N, C-alpha and C. Protein backbone atom coordinates (compact mmCIF):
# COMPACT_ATOMS: atom_id res chain seq x y z
N MET A 1 -138.37 140.74 51.33
CA MET A 1 -138.28 141.82 52.20
C MET A 1 -138.32 141.46 53.70
N LYS A 2 -137.62 142.10 54.52
CA LYS A 2 -137.64 141.46 55.87
C LYS A 2 -137.54 142.68 56.78
N ALA A 3 -137.75 142.66 58.12
CA ALA A 3 -137.68 143.56 59.18
C ALA A 3 -136.90 143.06 60.05
N THR A 4 -136.01 143.89 60.62
CA THR A 4 -135.14 143.48 61.60
C THR A 4 -135.27 144.28 63.01
N LYS A 5 -136.09 145.41 62.97
CA LYS A 5 -136.23 145.97 64.17
C LYS A 5 -137.67 146.73 64.03
N LEU A 6 -138.41 146.50 65.10
CA LEU A 6 -139.80 147.01 65.05
C LEU A 6 -140.42 147.28 66.48
N ARG A 7 -141.04 148.51 66.61
CA ARG A 7 -141.43 148.51 67.91
C ARG A 7 -142.80 147.77 68.06
N PRO A 8 -143.27 147.42 69.45
CA PRO A 8 -144.12 146.33 69.50
C PRO A 8 -145.65 146.97 69.54
N PHE A 9 -146.01 148.12 69.39
CA PHE A 9 -147.51 148.66 69.50
C PHE A 9 -147.61 149.66 68.41
N VAL A 10 -148.82 149.56 67.69
CA VAL A 10 -149.34 150.56 66.86
C VAL A 10 -150.67 150.78 67.15
N PRO A 11 -151.13 152.10 67.38
CA PRO A 11 -152.59 152.37 67.61
C PRO A 11 -153.18 152.46 65.94
N SER A 12 -154.38 151.99 66.03
CA SER A 12 -155.13 151.93 64.64
C SER A 12 -155.86 153.14 64.21
N GLY A 13 -155.97 154.05 65.14
CA GLY A 13 -156.75 155.25 64.59
C GLY A 13 -158.25 154.93 64.55
N ALA A 14 -159.11 155.71 63.86
CA ALA A 14 -160.39 155.68 63.91
C ALA A 14 -160.97 154.42 63.05
N ASP A 15 -160.16 153.85 62.18
CA ASP A 15 -160.50 152.64 61.24
C ASP A 15 -159.66 151.43 61.41
N TYR A 16 -159.91 150.58 62.31
CA TYR A 16 -159.29 149.50 62.78
C TYR A 16 -159.06 148.49 61.45
N GLU A 17 -160.34 148.34 60.78
CA GLU A 17 -159.95 147.34 59.59
C GLU A 17 -159.33 147.88 58.70
N LEU A 18 -159.34 149.22 58.34
CA LEU A 18 -158.45 149.87 57.24
C LEU A 18 -156.98 149.61 57.68
N ALA A 19 -156.55 149.89 58.80
CA ALA A 19 -155.31 149.75 59.34
C ALA A 19 -154.79 148.18 59.00
N GLN A 20 -155.92 147.19 59.47
CA GLN A 20 -155.52 145.86 59.26
C GLN A 20 -155.26 145.43 57.66
N ARG A 21 -156.14 146.07 56.93
CA ARG A 21 -155.75 145.89 55.53
C ARG A 21 -154.60 146.38 55.16
N PHE A 22 -154.34 147.55 55.54
CA PHE A 22 -153.03 148.37 55.12
C PHE A 22 -151.72 147.45 55.41
N PHE A 23 -151.74 147.01 56.71
CA PHE A 23 -150.39 146.15 57.12
C PHE A 23 -150.32 144.98 56.18
N LYS A 24 -151.55 144.17 56.01
CA LYS A 24 -151.72 143.08 55.16
C LYS A 24 -151.09 143.42 53.85
N GLU A 25 -151.52 144.69 53.20
CA GLU A 25 -151.11 144.98 51.95
C GLU A 25 -149.54 145.35 51.92
N LEU A 26 -149.07 145.84 53.04
CA LEU A 26 -147.58 145.98 53.15
C LEU A 26 -146.75 144.65 52.96
N GLY A 27 -147.32 143.58 53.50
CA GLY A 27 -146.74 142.39 53.73
C GLY A 27 -146.64 141.79 54.88
N PHE A 28 -147.17 142.41 55.95
CA PHE A 28 -147.22 141.75 57.32
C PHE A 28 -148.36 140.72 57.30
N GLU A 29 -147.92 139.71 57.94
CA GLU A 29 -148.99 138.51 58.25
C GLU A 29 -149.68 138.69 59.51
N CYS A 30 -150.98 138.72 59.53
CA CYS A 30 -151.66 138.70 60.79
C CYS A 30 -151.82 137.29 61.32
N ILE A 31 -151.26 137.22 62.60
CA ILE A 31 -150.92 135.92 63.04
C ILE A 31 -152.12 135.56 64.24
N LEU A 32 -152.67 136.53 64.62
CA LEU A 32 -153.75 136.46 65.64
C LEU A 32 -154.62 137.80 65.74
N SER A 33 -155.91 137.53 65.76
CA SER A 33 -156.67 138.69 65.83
C SER A 33 -157.93 138.22 66.90
N VAL A 34 -157.94 139.00 67.91
CA VAL A 34 -158.94 138.82 69.03
C VAL A 34 -159.50 140.19 69.35
N GLN A 35 -160.99 140.17 69.18
CA GLN A 35 -161.40 141.53 69.76
C GLN A 35 -160.87 142.78 69.15
N ASP A 36 -160.21 143.66 69.77
CA ASP A 36 -159.76 144.78 69.35
C ASP A 36 -158.04 144.79 69.15
N ILE A 37 -157.61 143.65 69.18
CA ILE A 37 -156.13 143.49 69.09
C ILE A 37 -155.76 142.54 67.95
N SER A 38 -154.82 142.93 67.19
CA SER A 38 -154.15 142.04 65.92
C SER A 38 -152.71 141.77 66.31
N ILE A 39 -152.12 140.74 66.05
CA ILE A 39 -150.54 140.63 66.04
C ILE A 39 -150.25 140.31 64.65
N PHE A 40 -149.41 141.20 64.24
CA PHE A 40 -148.82 141.18 62.71
C PHE A 40 -147.27 140.81 62.99
N ARG A 41 -146.84 139.97 61.76
CA ARG A 41 -145.53 139.46 61.79
C ARG A 41 -145.13 139.89 60.38
N LEU A 42 -143.65 140.18 60.31
CA LEU A 42 -142.87 140.30 59.09
C LEU A 42 -141.44 139.76 59.36
N SER A 43 -141.20 138.70 58.79
CA SER A 43 -139.93 138.05 59.12
C SER A 43 -139.98 137.70 60.61
N GLU A 44 -138.91 138.06 61.36
CA GLU A 44 -138.85 137.67 62.74
C GLU A 44 -139.55 138.82 63.67
N GLN A 45 -140.05 139.75 63.18
CA GLN A 45 -140.59 140.80 63.86
C GLN A 45 -142.07 140.88 64.12
N GLU A 46 -142.48 141.31 65.19
CA GLU A 46 -143.99 141.26 65.57
C GLU A 46 -144.37 142.59 66.09
N PHE A 47 -145.62 142.97 65.90
CA PHE A 47 -146.05 144.19 66.58
C PHE A 47 -147.56 144.03 66.83
N ILE A 48 -148.19 144.48 67.86
CA ILE A 48 -149.57 144.66 68.03
C ILE A 48 -150.17 145.94 67.54
N LEU A 49 -151.36 145.55 66.89
CA LEU A 49 -152.17 146.65 66.28
C LEU A 49 -153.33 146.62 67.14
N GLN A 50 -153.65 147.75 67.88
CA GLN A 50 -154.66 147.86 68.73
C GLN A 50 -155.80 148.77 68.41
N ASN A 51 -157.09 148.41 68.45
CA ASN A 51 -158.03 149.43 68.07
C ASN A 51 -158.12 150.62 69.11
N TYR A 52 -157.37 151.44 68.78
CA TYR A 52 -157.19 152.57 69.72
C TYR A 52 -157.04 153.93 68.93
N SER A 53 -157.88 154.92 69.33
CA SER A 53 -157.83 156.19 68.71
C SER A 53 -157.64 157.39 69.64
N ASN A 54 -156.47 157.97 69.25
CA ASN A 54 -156.14 159.24 70.15
C ASN A 54 -155.31 159.98 69.15
N GLN A 55 -155.82 161.05 68.50
CA GLN A 55 -155.24 161.72 67.54
C GLN A 55 -153.88 162.27 67.91
N SER A 56 -154.00 162.93 69.16
CA SER A 56 -152.73 163.61 69.68
C SER A 56 -151.54 162.64 69.91
N PHE A 57 -152.04 161.43 70.28
CA PHE A 57 -150.91 160.12 70.56
C PHE A 57 -150.32 159.84 69.19
N GLN A 58 -151.40 159.45 68.33
CA GLN A 58 -150.94 159.02 67.00
C GLN A 58 -150.14 160.04 66.32
N ASP A 59 -150.27 161.27 66.21
CA ASP A 59 -149.54 162.24 65.60
C ASP A 59 -148.06 162.25 66.24
N ASN A 60 -148.03 162.02 67.33
CA ASN A 60 -146.61 161.94 68.04
C ASN A 60 -145.98 160.61 67.97
N TYR A 61 -146.44 159.73 67.46
CA TYR A 61 -146.06 158.26 67.63
C TYR A 61 -145.12 157.98 66.30
N MET A 62 -144.15 157.11 66.66
CA MET A 62 -143.09 156.97 65.40
C MET A 62 -142.84 155.49 65.50
N MET A 63 -142.91 154.90 64.41
CA MET A 63 -142.29 153.36 64.12
C MET A 63 -141.08 153.22 63.50
N ASP A 64 -140.16 152.77 63.98
CA ASP A 64 -138.84 152.47 63.31
C ASP A 64 -138.91 151.03 62.58
N LEU A 65 -138.71 150.86 61.42
CA LEU A 65 -138.53 149.54 60.76
C LEU A 65 -137.28 149.51 59.91
N ILE A 66 -136.41 148.41 60.30
CA ILE A 66 -135.28 148.42 59.52
C ILE A 66 -135.41 147.27 58.49
N VAL A 67 -135.24 147.51 57.19
CA VAL A 67 -135.37 146.73 56.06
C VAL A 67 -134.20 146.31 55.47
N ASP A 68 -134.18 145.13 54.64
CA ASP A 68 -132.87 144.77 53.78
C ASP A 68 -132.94 145.48 52.51
N ASP A 69 -134.00 145.95 51.95
CA ASP A 69 -134.02 146.52 50.69
C ASP A 69 -135.13 147.81 50.72
N LEU A 70 -134.49 149.04 50.84
CA LEU A 70 -135.35 150.21 50.94
C LEU A 70 -136.00 150.54 49.64
N ASP A 71 -135.29 150.28 48.54
CA ASP A 71 -135.92 150.51 47.08
C ASP A 71 -136.98 149.73 46.84
N ALA A 72 -137.00 148.32 47.21
CA ALA A 72 -138.07 147.32 47.10
C ALA A 72 -139.22 147.91 47.80
N TRP A 73 -139.08 148.39 49.17
CA TRP A 73 -140.09 148.86 49.85
C TRP A 73 -140.67 149.96 49.36
N TRP A 74 -139.85 150.89 48.74
CA TRP A 74 -140.42 152.30 48.08
C TRP A 74 -141.35 151.72 46.98
N THR A 75 -140.76 150.98 45.93
CA THR A 75 -141.75 150.54 44.93
C THR A 75 -142.96 150.01 45.27
N HIS A 76 -143.00 149.00 46.26
CA HIS A 76 -144.33 148.58 46.77
C HIS A 76 -145.17 149.45 47.27
N ILE A 77 -144.60 150.41 48.13
CA ILE A 77 -145.48 151.55 48.76
C ILE A 77 -145.95 152.38 47.72
N GLN A 78 -145.29 152.70 46.63
CA GLN A 78 -145.72 153.48 45.45
C GLN A 78 -146.86 152.76 44.98
N ALA A 79 -146.88 151.47 44.62
CA ALA A 79 -147.98 150.83 44.04
C ALA A 79 -149.14 150.87 44.98
N ILE A 80 -149.02 150.65 46.32
CA ILE A 80 -150.25 150.71 47.07
C ILE A 80 -150.77 152.25 47.17
N MET A 81 -149.96 153.28 47.01
CA MET A 81 -150.45 154.57 46.94
C MET A 81 -151.28 154.74 45.66
N GLU A 82 -150.78 154.31 44.44
CA GLU A 82 -151.29 154.47 43.41
C GLU A 82 -152.54 153.58 43.00
N SER A 83 -152.78 152.54 43.90
CA SER A 83 -154.01 151.73 43.82
C SER A 83 -155.30 152.41 44.45
N GLY A 84 -154.97 153.44 45.21
CA GLY A 84 -156.15 154.35 45.63
C GLY A 84 -156.86 153.62 46.85
N GLN A 85 -156.39 152.43 47.34
CA GLN A 85 -157.13 151.72 48.37
C GLN A 85 -156.92 152.68 49.73
N PHE A 86 -156.12 153.37 50.03
CA PHE A 86 -155.82 153.90 51.15
C PHE A 86 -155.30 155.43 50.91
N PRO A 87 -156.41 156.25 50.67
CA PRO A 87 -156.10 157.51 50.16
C PRO A 87 -155.44 158.44 51.36
N THR A 88 -155.55 157.99 52.51
CA THR A 88 -154.89 159.03 53.57
C THR A 88 -153.40 158.59 53.86
N ILE A 89 -152.93 157.72 53.19
CA ILE A 89 -151.39 157.38 53.51
C ILE A 89 -150.60 158.38 52.72
N ARG A 90 -149.41 158.59 53.13
CA ARG A 90 -148.48 159.66 52.59
C ARG A 90 -147.14 159.08 52.80
N ALA A 91 -146.26 159.13 51.68
CA ALA A 91 -145.11 158.75 51.78
C ALA A 91 -144.09 159.68 51.05
N LYS A 92 -143.00 159.59 51.45
CA LYS A 92 -141.72 160.55 50.79
C LYS A 92 -140.71 159.47 50.40
N GLU A 93 -140.30 159.69 49.18
CA GLU A 93 -139.25 158.84 48.64
C GLU A 93 -138.02 158.79 49.56
N PRO A 94 -137.21 157.72 49.43
CA PRO A 94 -136.00 157.59 50.34
C PRO A 94 -135.19 158.76 50.27
N THR A 95 -134.60 159.18 51.22
CA THR A 95 -133.64 160.36 51.64
C THR A 95 -132.31 159.99 52.26
N VAL A 96 -131.40 160.47 51.64
CA VAL A 96 -130.02 160.34 52.58
C VAL A 96 -129.78 161.52 53.14
N PHE A 97 -129.91 161.21 54.73
CA PHE A 97 -129.46 162.28 55.56
C PHE A 97 -127.94 162.66 55.68
N PRO A 98 -127.80 163.83 56.12
CA PRO A 98 -126.16 164.09 56.18
C PRO A 98 -125.41 163.34 57.14
N TRP A 99 -125.97 162.64 57.95
CA TRP A 99 -125.33 161.68 58.87
C TRP A 99 -125.19 160.25 58.27
N GLY A 100 -125.59 160.19 56.95
CA GLY A 100 -125.32 158.91 56.12
C GLY A 100 -126.64 157.82 56.18
N ARG A 101 -127.51 158.14 57.04
CA ARG A 101 -128.66 156.99 57.09
C ARG A 101 -129.74 157.49 55.82
N ARG A 102 -130.01 156.34 55.29
CA ARG A 102 -131.09 156.50 54.32
C ARG A 102 -132.35 156.08 54.82
N GLU A 103 -133.43 156.86 54.68
CA GLU A 103 -134.79 156.65 55.21
C GLU A 103 -135.75 156.90 54.30
N LEU A 104 -136.92 156.24 54.46
CA LEU A 104 -138.16 156.45 53.73
C LEU A 104 -139.15 156.71 54.96
N HIS A 105 -140.02 157.83 54.76
CA HIS A 105 -141.01 158.29 55.69
C HIS A 105 -142.38 157.93 55.13
N LEU A 106 -143.18 157.31 56.04
CA LEU A 106 -144.60 156.87 55.73
C LEU A 106 -145.65 157.26 56.69
N ILE A 107 -146.62 157.99 56.42
CA ILE A 107 -147.82 158.08 57.44
C ILE A 107 -148.71 157.09 57.12
N ASP A 108 -149.08 156.20 57.99
CA ASP A 108 -149.97 155.08 57.70
C ASP A 108 -151.37 155.68 57.95
N PRO A 109 -152.55 154.93 57.67
CA PRO A 109 -153.86 155.23 57.91
C PRO A 109 -154.44 155.87 59.12
N ALA A 110 -153.58 155.60 60.33
CA ALA A 110 -153.95 155.98 61.49
C ALA A 110 -153.40 157.28 61.84
N GLY A 111 -152.36 157.73 61.01
CA GLY A 111 -151.51 158.91 61.09
C GLY A 111 -150.27 158.68 61.93
N VAL A 112 -149.85 157.57 62.15
CA VAL A 112 -148.51 157.05 62.62
C VAL A 112 -147.52 157.14 61.73
N CYS A 113 -146.40 157.80 61.97
CA CYS A 113 -145.34 158.04 61.07
C CYS A 113 -144.42 156.73 61.21
N TRP A 114 -143.86 156.12 60.15
CA TRP A 114 -143.18 155.11 60.08
C TRP A 114 -141.75 155.65 59.52
N HIS A 115 -140.71 155.18 59.98
CA HIS A 115 -139.25 155.55 59.51
C HIS A 115 -138.78 154.13 59.00
N LEU A 116 -138.67 153.96 57.65
CA LEU A 116 -137.97 152.70 57.21
C LEU A 116 -136.71 153.03 56.75
N ALA A 117 -135.77 152.22 57.29
CA ALA A 117 -134.24 152.57 56.95
C ALA A 117 -133.66 151.08 56.64
N GLU A 118 -132.54 151.19 55.92
CA GLU A 118 -131.81 149.96 55.54
C GLU A 118 -130.93 149.43 56.73
N GLY A 119 -130.89 148.16 56.80
CA GLY A 119 -130.05 147.86 57.89
C GLY A 119 -129.20 146.49 57.72
């Protein structure tokens, strides 16, 4: 699995450690963690996870992730959800939109919405 596009910043919400564990479980590598900031990498893409909680901000924040195999991601996300480790995550199976883009929507432990699409 690889990512080809990713925004640079994700707020962690109220539970920074849970957010860190979630992104590691998704397959991101934590390449640096200092105080309230961690840098995660997947393929050539990196983002900063910051220990920051502002619910109105998080509820309106969206991450775009372009992946090479949306079905593989969906299978992996389903397994994470079934494990029960992250009870607050929500995901919807891949959907084909009228304009032809196929996406998977995921709400992470911080309440941030991720749009995963094949690219």
